[in-house]
PDB file of N, CA and C in Angstrom:
ATOM      1  N   MET A   1      14.839   6.777  -3.981  1.00  0.00           N
ATOM      2  CA  MET A   1      15.808   5.735  -4.252  1.00  0.00           C
ATOM      3  C   MET A   1      16.824   5.713  -3.109  1.00  0.00           C
ATOM      4  N   THR A   2      17.148   4.539  -2.650  1.00  0.00           N
ATOM      5  CA  THR A   2      18.093   4.398  -1.547  1.00  0.00           C
ATOM      6  C   THR A   2      19.524   4.568  -2.046  1.00  0.00           C
ATOM      7  N   GLN A   3      20.426   4.790  -1.118  1.00  0.00           N
ATOM      8  CA  GLN A   3      21.844   4.911  -1.474  1.00  0.00           C
ATOM      9  C   GLN A   3      22.355   3.624  -2.103  1.00  0.00           C
ATOM     10  N   GLU A   4      21.868   2.506  -1.590  1.00  0.00           N
ATOM     11  CA  GLU A   4      22.297   1.216  -2.133  1.00  0.00           C
ATOM     12  C   GLU A   4      21.866   1.064  -3.589  1.00  0.00           C
ATOM     13  N   ASN A   5      20.627   1.442  -3.889  1.00  0.00           N
ATOM     14  CA  ASN A   5      20.143   1.365  -5.268  1.00  0.00           C
ATOM     15  C   ASN A   5      20.909   2.313  -6.187  1.00  0.00           C
ATOM     16  N   THR A   6      21.198   3.500  -5.688  1.00  0.00           N
ATOM     17  CA  THR A   6      21.965   4.470  -6.470  1.00  0.00           C
ATOM     18  C   THR A   6      23.357   3.920  -6.768  1.00  0.00           C
ATOM     19  N   ALA A   7      23.994   3.335  -5.771  1.00  0.00           N
ATOM     20  CA  ALA A   7      25.329   2.755  -5.948  1.00  0.00           C
ATOM     21  C   ALA A   7      25.299   1.618  -6.963  1.00  0.00           C
ATOM     22  N   LEU A   8      24.261   0.795  -6.918  1.00  0.00           N
ATOM     23  CA  LEU A   8      24.137  -0.302  -7.885  1.00  0.00           C
ATOM     24  C   LEU A   8      23.963   0.221  -9.304  1.00  0.00           C
ATOM     25  N   LEU A   9      23.154   1.254  -9.470  1.00  0.00           N
ATOM     26  CA  LEU A   9      22.959   1.838 -10.792  1.00  0.00           C
ATOM     27  C   LEU A   9      24.253   2.445 -11.316  1.00  0.00           C
ATOM     28  N   GLU A  10      24.989   3.135 -10.455  1.00  0.00           N
ATOM     29  CA  GLU A  10      26.261   3.721 -10.869  1.00  0.00           C
ATOM     30  C   GLU A  10      27.268   2.641 -11.240  1.00  0.00           C
ATOM     31  N   ALA A  11      27.310   1.563 -10.492  1.00  0.00           N
ATOM     32  CA  ALA A  11      28.224   0.454 -10.796  1.00  0.00           C
ATOM     33  C   ALA A  11      27.859  -0.181 -12.131  1.00  0.00           C
ATOM     34  N   HIS A  12      26.552  -0.339 -12.384  1.00  0.00           N
ATOM     35  CA  HIS A  12      26.107  -0.907 -13.647  1.00  0.00           C
ATOM     36  C   HIS A  12      26.503  -0.001 -14.815  1.00  0.00           C
ATOM     37  N   ALA A  13      26.298   1.309 -14.661  1.00  0.00           N
ATOM     38  CA  ALA A  13      26.656   2.261 -15.717  1.00  0.00           C
ATOM     39  C   ALA A  13      28.153   2.240 -15.977  1.00  0.00           C
ATOM     40  N   SER A  14      28.943   2.135 -14.911  1.00  0.00           N
ATOM     41  CA  SER A  14      30.393   2.081 -15.057  1.00  0.00           C
ATOM     42  C   SER A  14      30.815   0.815 -15.783  1.00  0.00           C
ATOM     43  N   ALA A  15      30.227  -0.315 -15.431  1.00  0.00           N
ATOM     44  CA  ALA A  15      30.554  -1.581 -16.092  1.00  0.00           C
ATOM     45  C   ALA A  15      30.142  -1.540 -17.550  1.00  0.00           C
ATOM     46  N   LEU A  16      28.991  -0.946 -17.825  1.00  0.00           N
ATOM     47  CA  LEU A  16      28.529  -0.844 -19.196  1.00  0.00           C
ATOM     48  C   LEU A  16      29.502  -0.009 -20.014  1.00  0.00           C
ATOM     49  N   SER A  17      29.968   1.087 -19.435  1.00  0.00           N
ATOM     50  CA  SER A  17      30.935   1.921 -20.136  1.00  0.00           C
ATOM     51  C   SER A  17      32.218   1.153 -20.413  1.00  0.00           C
ATOM     52  N   PHE A  18      32.640   0.340 -19.455  1.00  0.00           N
ATOM     53  CA  PHE A  18      33.840  -0.471 -19.622  1.00  0.00           C
ATOM     54  C   PHE A  18      33.645  -1.462 -20.776  1.00  0.00           C
ATOM     55  N   VAL A  19      32.474  -2.089 -20.836  1.00  0.00           N
ATOM     56  CA  VAL A  19      32.167  -3.041 -21.910  1.00  0.00           C
ATOM     57  C   VAL A  19      32.111  -2.318 -23.251  1.00  0.00           C
ATOM     58  N   GLN A  20      31.464  -1.174 -23.274  1.00  0.00           N
ATOM     59  CA  GLN A  20      31.356  -0.405 -24.515  1.00  0.00           C
ATOM     60  C   GLN A  20      32.744   0.000 -25.019  1.00  0.00           C
ATOM     61  N   MET A  21      33.584   0.515 -24.134  1.00  0.00           N
ATOM     62  CA  MET A  21      34.929   0.927 -24.535  1.00  0.00           C
ATOM     63  C   MET A  21      35.756  -0.270 -24.989  1.00  0.00           C
ATOM     64  N   GLY A  22      35.591  -1.397 -24.321  1.00  0.00           N
ATOM     65  CA  GLY A  22      36.325  -2.600 -24.720  1.00  0.00           C
ATOM     66  C   GLY A  22      35.953  -3.068 -26.115  1.00  0.00           C
ATOM     67  N   PHE A  23      34.662  -3.035 -26.414  1.00  0.00           N
ATOM     68  CA  PHE A  23      34.213  -3.455 -27.745  1.00  0.00           C
ATOM     69  C   PHE A  23      34.673  -2.454 -28.800  1.00  0.00           C
ATOM     70  N   ALA A  24      34.599  -1.159 -28.477  1.00  0.00           N
ATOM     71  CA  ALA A  24      35.079  -0.129 -29.404  1.00  0.00           C
ATOM     72  C   ALA A  24      36.571  -0.319 -29.676  1.00  0.00           C
ATOM     73  N   LYS A  25      37.325  -0.616 -28.627  1.00  0.00           N
ATOM     74  CA  LYS A  25      38.769  -0.827 -28.785  1.00  0.00           C
ATOM     75  C   LYS A  25      39.040  -2.033 -29.683  1.00  0.00           C
ATOM     76  N   GLN A  26      38.306  -3.113 -29.493  1.00  0.00           N
ATOM     77  CA  GLN A  26      38.494  -4.302 -30.329  1.00  0.00           C
ATOM     78  C   GLN A  26      38.202  -4.002 -31.799  1.00  0.00           C
ATOM     79  N   ILE A  27      37.135  -3.254 -32.042  1.00  0.00           N
ATOM     80  CA  ILE A  27      36.803  -2.870 -33.422  1.00  0.00           C
ATOM     81  C   ILE A  27      37.962  -2.088 -34.020  1.00  0.00           C
ATOM     82  N   LEU A  28      38.449  -1.100 -33.289  1.00  0.00           N
ATOM     83  CA  LEU A  28      39.525  -0.255 -33.807  1.00  0.00           C
ATOM     84  C   LEU A  28      40.818  -1.032 -34.012  1.00  0.00           C
ATOM     85  N   LEU A  29      41.128  -1.952 -33.119  1.00  0.00           N
ATOM     86  CA  LEU A  29      42.322  -2.773 -33.300  1.00  0.00           C
ATOM     87  C   LEU A  29      42.196  -3.653 -34.540  1.00  0.00           C
ATOM     88  N   ASN A  30      41.003  -4.198 -34.773  1.00  0.00           N
ATOM     89  CA  ASN A  30      40.782  -5.033 -35.952  1.00  0.00           C
ATOM     90  C   ASN A  30      40.897  -4.236 -37.245  1.00  0.00           C
ATOM     91  N   VAL A  31      40.414  -3.013 -37.223  1.00  0.00           N
ATOM     92  CA  VAL A  31      40.409  -2.190 -38.440  1.00  0.00           C
ATOM     93  C   VAL A  31      41.740  -1.472 -38.651  1.00  0.00           C
ATOM     94  N   LEU A  32      42.291  -0.904 -37.590  1.00  0.00           N
ATOM     95  CA  LEU A  32      43.474  -0.053 -37.727  1.00  0.00           C
ATOM     96  C   LEU A  32      44.791  -0.759 -37.415  1.00  0.00           C
ATOM     97  N   GLY A  33      44.726  -1.903 -36.759  1.00  0.00           N
ATOM     98  CA  GLY A  33      45.940  -2.643 -36.440  1.00  0.00           C
ATOM     99  C   GLY A  33      46.397  -2.413 -35.014  1.00  0.00           C
ATOM    100  N   GLU A  34      47.223  -3.339 -34.552  1.00  0.00           N
ATOM    101  CA  GLU A  34      47.693  -3.352 -33.170  1.00  0.00           C
ATOM    102  C   GLU A  34      48.564  -2.150 -32.810  1.00  0.00           C
ATOM    103  N   ASP A  35      49.169  -1.495 -33.793  1.00  0.00           N
ATOM    104  CA  ASP A  35      50.086  -0.390 -33.494  1.00  0.00           C
ATOM    105  C   ASP A  35      49.398   0.849 -32.922  1.00  0.00           C
ATOM    106  N   VAL A  36      48.053   0.912 -32.973  1.00  0.00           N
ATOM    107  CA  VAL A  36      47.335   2.063 -32.406  1.00  0.00           C
ATOM    108  C   VAL A  36      46.852   1.807 -30.980  1.00  0.00           C
ATOM    109  N   GLU A  37      47.106   0.615 -30.452  1.00  0.00           N
ATOM    110  CA  GLU A  37      46.532   0.223 -29.165  1.00  0.00           C
ATOM    111  C   GLU A  37      46.799   1.237 -28.058  1.00  0.00           C
ATOM    112  N   ASP A  38      48.029   1.720 -27.957  1.00  0.00           N
ATOM    113  CA  ASP A  38      48.361   2.647 -26.869  1.00  0.00           C
ATOM    114  C   ASP A  38      47.766   4.036 -27.061  1.00  0.00           C
ATOM    115  N   ARG A  39      47.242   4.321 -28.240  1.00  0.00           N
ATOM    116  CA  ARG A  39      46.634   5.628 -28.515  1.00  0.00           C
ATOM    117  C   ARG A  39      45.108   5.604 -28.419  1.00  0.00           C
ATOM    118  N   ILE A  40      44.521   4.435 -28.200  1.00  0.00           N
ATOM    119  CA  ILE A  40      43.058   4.339 -28.105  1.00  0.00           C
ATOM    120  C   ILE A  40      42.630   4.772 -26.715  1.00  0.00           C
ATOM    121  N   LYS A  41      42.178   5.997 -26.631  1.00  0.00           N
ATOM    122  CA  LYS A  41      41.674   6.619 -25.404  1.00  0.00           C
ATOM    123  C   LYS A  41      40.299   7.202 -25.724  1.00  0.00           C
ATOM    124  N   PRO A  42      39.450   7.395 -24.725  1.00  0.00           N
ATOM    125  CA  PRO A  42      38.095   7.902 -25.000  1.00  0.00           C
ATOM    126  C   PRO A  42      38.055   9.183 -25.831  1.00  0.00           C
ATOM    127  N   ASP A  43      38.978  10.102 -25.607  1.00  0.00           N
ATOM    128  CA  ASP A  43      38.950  11.370 -26.335  1.00  0.00           C
ATOM    129  C   ASP A  43      39.760  11.365 -27.627  1.00  0.00           C
ATOM    130  N   ALA A  44      40.374  10.250 -27.965  1.00  0.00           N
ATOM    131  CA  ALA A  44      41.154  10.181 -29.204  1.00  0.00           C
ATOM    132  C   ALA A  44      40.235  10.267 -30.417  1.00  0.00           C
ATOM    133  N   MET A  45      40.633  11.084 -31.378  1.00  0.00           N
ATOM    134  CA  MET A  45      39.876  11.216 -32.616  1.00  0.00           C
ATOM    135  C   MET A  45      40.314  10.111 -33.572  1.00  0.00           C
ATOM    136  N   LEU A  46      39.331   9.448 -34.189  1.00  0.00           N
ATOM    137  CA  LEU A  46      39.638   8.318 -35.053  1.00  0.00           C
ATOM    138  C   LEU A  46      40.541   8.714 -36.213  1.00  0.00           C
ATOM    139  N   VAL A  47      40.295   9.871 -36.808  1.00  0.00           N
ATOM    140  CA  VAL A  47      41.075  10.294 -37.972  1.00  0.00           C
ATOM    141  C   VAL A  47      42.386  10.948 -37.548  1.00  0.00           C
ATOM    142  N   ASP A  48      42.301  12.007 -36.769  1.00  0.00           N
ATOM    143  CA  ASP A  48      43.501  12.786 -36.437  1.00  0.00           C
ATOM    144  C   ASP A  48      44.468  12.056 -35.507  1.00  0.00           C
ATOM    145  N   ASP A  49      43.947  11.354 -34.513  1.00  0.00           N
ATOM    146  CA  ASP A  49      44.816  10.724 -33.517  1.00  0.00           C
ATOM    147  C   ASP A  49      45.173   9.272 -33.831  1.00  0.00           C
ATOM    148  N   LEU A  50      44.233   8.555 -34.458  1.00  0.00           N
ATOM    149  CA  LEU A  50      44.464   7.133 -34.722  1.00  0.00           C
ATOM    150  C   LEU A  50      44.797   6.836 -36.178  1.00  0.00           C
ATOM    151  N   GLY A  51      44.656   7.828 -37.047  1.00  0.00           N
ATOM    152  CA  GLY A  51      45.039   7.661 -38.450  1.00  0.00           C
ATOM    153  C   GLY A  51      44.026   6.957 -39.330  1.00  0.00           C
ATOM    154  N   ALA A  52      42.778   6.897 -38.899  1.00  0.00           N
ATOM    155  CA  ALA A  52      41.742   6.253 -39.718  1.00  0.00           C
ATOM    156  C   ALA A  52      41.499   7.080 -40.978  1.00  0.00           C
ATOM    157  N   ASP A  53      41.278   6.389 -42.082  1.00  0.00           N
ATOM    158  CA  ASP A  53      40.887   7.077 -43.308  1.00  0.00           C
ATOM    159  C   ASP A  53      39.419   6.765 -43.597  1.00  0.00           C
ATOM    160  N   SER A  54      38.918   7.260 -44.710  1.00  0.00           N
ATOM    161  CA  SER A  54      37.487   7.097 -44.999  1.00  0.00           C
ATOM    162  C   SER A  54      37.094   5.626 -45.151  1.00  0.00           C
ATOM    163  N   LEU A  55      37.970   4.811 -45.708  1.00  0.00           N
ATOM    164  CA  LEU A  55      37.657   3.382 -45.841  1.00  0.00           C
ATOM    165  C   LEU A  55      37.625   2.689 -44.475  1.00  0.00           C
ATOM    166  N   ASP A  56      38.516   3.111 -43.575  1.00  0.00           N
ATOM    167  CA  ASP A  56      38.500   2.574 -42.210  1.00  0.00           C
ATOM    168  C   ASP A  56      37.183   2.916 -41.520  1.00  0.00           C
ATOM    169  N   MET A  57      36.725   4.146 -41.714  1.00  0.00           N
ATOM    170  CA  MET A  57      35.477   4.582 -41.088  1.00  0.00           C
ATOM    171  C   MET A  57      34.298   3.751 -41.611  1.00  0.00           C
ATOM    172  N   VAL A  58      34.301   3.466 -42.893  1.00  0.00           N
ATOM    173  CA  VAL A  58      33.237   2.636 -43.479  1.00  0.00           C
ATOM    174  C   VAL A  58      33.313   1.227 -42.897  1.00  0.00           C
ATOM    175  N   GLU A  59      34.512   0.708 -42.743  1.00  0.00           N
ATOM    176  CA  GLU A  59      34.670  -0.638 -42.167  1.00  0.00           C
ATOM    177  C   GLU A  59      34.159  -0.696 -40.725  1.00  0.00           C
ATOM    178  N   VAL A  60      34.460   0.331 -39.937  1.00  0.00           N
ATOM    179  CA  VAL A  60      33.953   0.401 -38.566  1.00  0.00           C
ATOM    180  C   VAL A  60      32.431   0.433 -38.576  1.00  0.00           C
ATOM    181  N   GLN A  61      31.870   1.239 -39.460  1.00  0.00           N
ATOM    182  CA  GLN A  61      30.418   1.342 -39.570  1.00  0.00           C
ATOM    183  C   GLN A  61      29.801  -0.005 -39.954  1.00  0.00           C
ATOM    184  N   CYS A  62      30.422  -0.716 -40.861  1.00  0.00           N
ATOM    185  CA  CYS A  62      29.924  -2.035 -41.278  1.00  0.00           C
ATOM    186  C   CYS A  62      29.979  -3.044 -40.131  1.00  0.00           C
ATOM    187  N   ILE A  63      31.028  -2.987 -39.327  1.00  0.00           N
ATOM    188  CA  ILE A  63      31.130  -3.892 -38.177  1.00  0.00           C
ATOM    189  C   ILE A  63      29.980  -3.631 -37.214  1.00  0.00           C
ATOM    190  N   LEU A  64      29.702  -2.367 -36.950  1.00  0.00           N
ATOM    191  CA  LEU A  64      28.578  -2.038 -36.075  1.00  0.00           C
ATOM    192  C   LEU A  64      27.265  -2.553 -36.659  1.00  0.00           C
ATOM    193  N   ASP A  65      27.072  -2.328 -37.957  1.00  0.00           N
ATOM    194  CA  ASP A  65      25.857  -2.813 -38.632  1.00  0.00           C
ATOM    195  C   ASP A  65      25.747  -4.332 -38.526  1.00  0.00           C
ATOM    196  N   ASP A  66      26.862  -5.021 -38.709  1.00  0.00           N
ATOM    197  CA  ASP A  66      26.871  -6.487 -38.637  1.00  0.00           C
ATOM    198  C   ASP A  66      26.467  -6.997 -37.248  1.00  0.00           C
ATOM    199  N   HIS A  67      26.681  -6.172 -36.227  1.00  0.00           N
ATOM    200  CA  HIS A  67      26.323  -6.548 -34.853  1.00  0.00           C
ATOM    201  C   HIS A  67      24.952  -6.007 -34.449  1.00  0.00           C
ATOM    202  N   GLY A  68      24.212  -5.509 -35.428  1.00  0.00           N
ATOM    203  CA  GLY A  68      22.858  -5.029 -35.151  1.00  0.00           C
ATOM    204  C   GLY A  68      22.796  -3.699 -34.435  1.00  0.00           C
ATOM    205  N   LEU A  69      23.855  -2.920 -34.560  1.00  0.00           N
ATOM    206  CA  LEU A  69      23.909  -1.620 -33.898  1.00  0.00           C
ATOM    207  C   LEU A  69      23.608  -0.507 -34.889  1.00  0.00           C
ATOM    208  N   ASP A  70      22.942   0.536 -34.409  1.00  0.00           N
ATOM    209  CA  ASP A  70      22.617   1.687 -35.236  1.00  0.00           C
ATOM    210  C   ASP A  70      23.888   2.485 -35.487  1.00  0.00           C
ATOM    211  N   ALA A  71      24.256   2.629 -36.749  1.00  0.00           N
ATOM    212  CA  ALA A  71      25.475   3.347 -37.109  1.00  0.00           C
ATOM    213  C   ALA A  71      25.170   4.300 -38.264  1.00  0.00           C
ATOM    214  N   PRO A  72      24.527   5.439 -37.960  1.00  0.00           N
ATOM    215  CA  PRO A  72      24.145   6.366 -39.020  1.00  0.00           C
ATOM    216  C   PRO A  72      25.351   7.026 -39.682  1.00  0.00           C
ATOM    217  N   ASP A  73      25.237   7.255 -40.976  1.00  0.00           N
ATOM    218  CA  ASP A  73      26.315   7.904 -41.730  1.00  0.00           C
ATOM    219  C   ASP A  73      26.736   9.227 -41.085  1.00  0.00           C
ATOM    220  N   SER A  74      25.756   9.968 -40.582  1.00  0.00           N
ATOM    221  CA  SER A  74      26.030  11.295 -40.026  1.00  0.00           C
ATOM    222  C   SER A  74      26.948  11.253 -38.808  1.00  0.00           C
ATOM    223  N   ALA A  75      27.046  10.125 -38.144  1.00  0.00           N
ATOM    224  CA  ALA A  75      27.900  10.005 -36.955  1.00  0.00           C
ATOM    225  C   ALA A  75      29.373   9.852 -37.312  1.00  0.00           C
ATOM    226  N   PHE A  76      29.640   9.388 -38.514  1.00  0.00           N
ATOM    227  CA  PHE A  76      31.015   9.081 -38.908  1.00  0.00           C
ATOM    228  C   PHE A  76      31.642  10.277 -39.615  1.00  0.00           C
ATOM    229  N   THR A  77      32.070  11.223 -38.796  1.00  0.00           N
ATOM    230  CA  THR A  77      32.677  12.445 -39.310  1.00  0.00           C
ATOM    231  C   THR A  77      34.169  12.455 -39.019  1.00  0.00           C
ATOM    232  N   HIS A  78      34.836  13.438 -39.540  1.00  0.00           N
ATOM    233  CA  HIS A  78      36.269  13.634 -39.316  1.00  0.00           C
ATOM    234  C   HIS A  78      36.572  13.847 -37.831  1.00  0.00           C
ATOM    235  N   HIS A  79      35.578  14.317 -37.078  1.00  0.00           N
ATOM    236  CA  HIS A  79      35.774  14.646 -35.668  1.00  0.00           C
ATOM    237  C   HIS A  79      35.298  13.550 -34.716  1.00  0.00           C
ATOM    238  N   MET A  80      34.965  12.382 -35.238  1.00  0.00           N
ATOM    239  CA  MET A  80      34.476  11.296 -34.383  1.00  0.00           C
ATOM    240  C   MET A  80      35.574  10.856 -33.410  1.00  0.00           C
ATOM    241  N   ARG A  81      35.165  10.663 -32.157  1.00  0.00           N
ATOM    242  CA  ARG A  81      36.095  10.226 -31.107  1.00  0.00           C
ATOM    243  C   ARG A  81      35.773   8.787 -30.705  1.00  0.00           C
ATOM    244  N   VAL A  82      36.710   8.150 -30.028  1.00  0.00           N
ATOM    245  CA  VAL A  82      36.517   6.778 -29.555  1.00  0.00           C
ATOM    246  C   VAL A  82      35.265   6.715 -28.671  1.00  0.00           C
ATOM    247  N   ARG A  83      35.066   7.701 -27.809  1.00  0.00           N
ATOM    248  CA  ARG A  83      33.893   7.700 -26.932  1.00  0.00           C
ATOM    249  C   ARG A  83      32.592   7.786 -27.733  1.00  0.00           C
ATOM    250  N   ASP A  84      32.619   8.439 -28.890  1.00  0.00           N
ATOM    251  CA  ASP A  84      31.433   8.501 -29.749  1.00  0.00           C
ATOM    252  C   ASP A  84      31.119   7.116 -30.306  1.00  0.00           C
ATOM    253  N   LEU A  85      32.163   6.405 -30.694  1.00  0.00           N
ATOM    254  CA  LEU A  85      31.994   5.046 -31.172  1.00  0.00           C
ATOM    255  C   LEU A  85      31.449   4.157 -30.054  1.00  0.00           C
ATOM    256  N   ALA A  86      32.027   4.248 -28.877  1.00  0.00           N
ATOM    257  CA  ALA A  86      31.592   3.449 -27.733  1.00  0.00           C
ATOM    258  C   ALA A  86      30.120   3.721 -27.389  1.00  0.00           C
ATOM    259  N   ALA A  87      29.684   4.960 -27.544  1.00  0.00           N
ATOM    260  CA  ALA A  87      28.305   5.326 -27.220  1.00  0.00           C
ATOM    261  C   ALA A  87      27.300   4.653 -28.161  1.00  0.00           C
ATOM    262  N   MET A  88      27.750   4.243 -29.337  1.00  0.00           N
ATOM    263  CA  MET A  88      26.860   3.563 -30.286  1.00  0.00           C
ATOM    264  C   MET A  88      26.638   2.094 -29.904  1.00  0.00           C
ATOM    265  N   ILE A  89      27.473   1.590 -29.027  1.00  0.00           N
ATOM    266  CA  ILE A  89      27.399   0.192 -28.635  1.00  0.00           C
ATOM    267  C   ILE A  89      26.399   0.068 -27.495  1.00  0.00           C
ATOM    268  N   THR A  90      25.315  -0.607 -27.767  1.00  0.00           N
ATOM    269  CA  THR A  90      24.228  -0.712 -26.792  1.00  0.00           C
ATOM    270  C   THR A  90      23.981  -2.165 -26.418  1.00  0.00           C
ATOM    271  N   PRO A  91      23.521  -2.405 -25.203  1.00  0.00           N
ATOM    272  CA  PRO A  91      23.214  -3.783 -24.806  1.00  0.00           C
ATOM    273  C   PRO A  91      22.166  -4.382 -25.737  1.00  0.00           C
ATOM    274  N   GLY A  92      22.334  -5.632 -26.050  1.00  0.00           N
ATOM    275  CA  GLY A  92      21.395  -6.299 -26.939  1.00  0.00           C
ATOM    276  C   GLY A  92      21.788  -6.192 -28.395  1.00  0.00           C
ATOM    277  N   GLY A  93      22.612  -5.177 -28.721  1.00  0.00           N
ATOM    278  CA  GLY A  93      23.071  -5.025 -30.088  1.00  0.00           C
ATOM    279  C   GLY A  93      24.365  -5.770 -30.342  1.00  0.00           C
ATOM    280  N   VAL A  94      25.066  -6.090 -29.304  1.00  0.00           N
ATOM    281  CA  VAL A  94      26.350  -6.791 -29.425  1.00  0.00           C
ATOM    282  C   VAL A  94      26.097  -8.287 -29.299  1.00  0.00           C
ATOM    283  N   SER A  95      26.597  -9.022 -30.262  1.00  0.00           N
ATOM    284  CA  SER A  95      26.421 -10.475 -30.191  1.00  0.00           C
ATOM    285  C   SER A  95      27.758 -11.184 -30.122  1.00  0.00           C
TER     286      SER A  95
END
């Protein structure tokens, strides 16, 4: 693989991560409210850092399901982080 191809793949992965984080942030803002916006960081824990409760977690899971994304119950734990949510967002699943 050439350096140019490697750079293109890295740029694509970076853009994808940006899109994934943006969609995760929108979901969290819709569920938890605008007051958590400044605390939404990749390593922030949904429960401990953002104040999500069990009903919020179910709502997030339902939003993912509504967009055709795989959102297994086992992923939605007390220790779930924003980056874990973003990782569930895959191309083709977001409409």
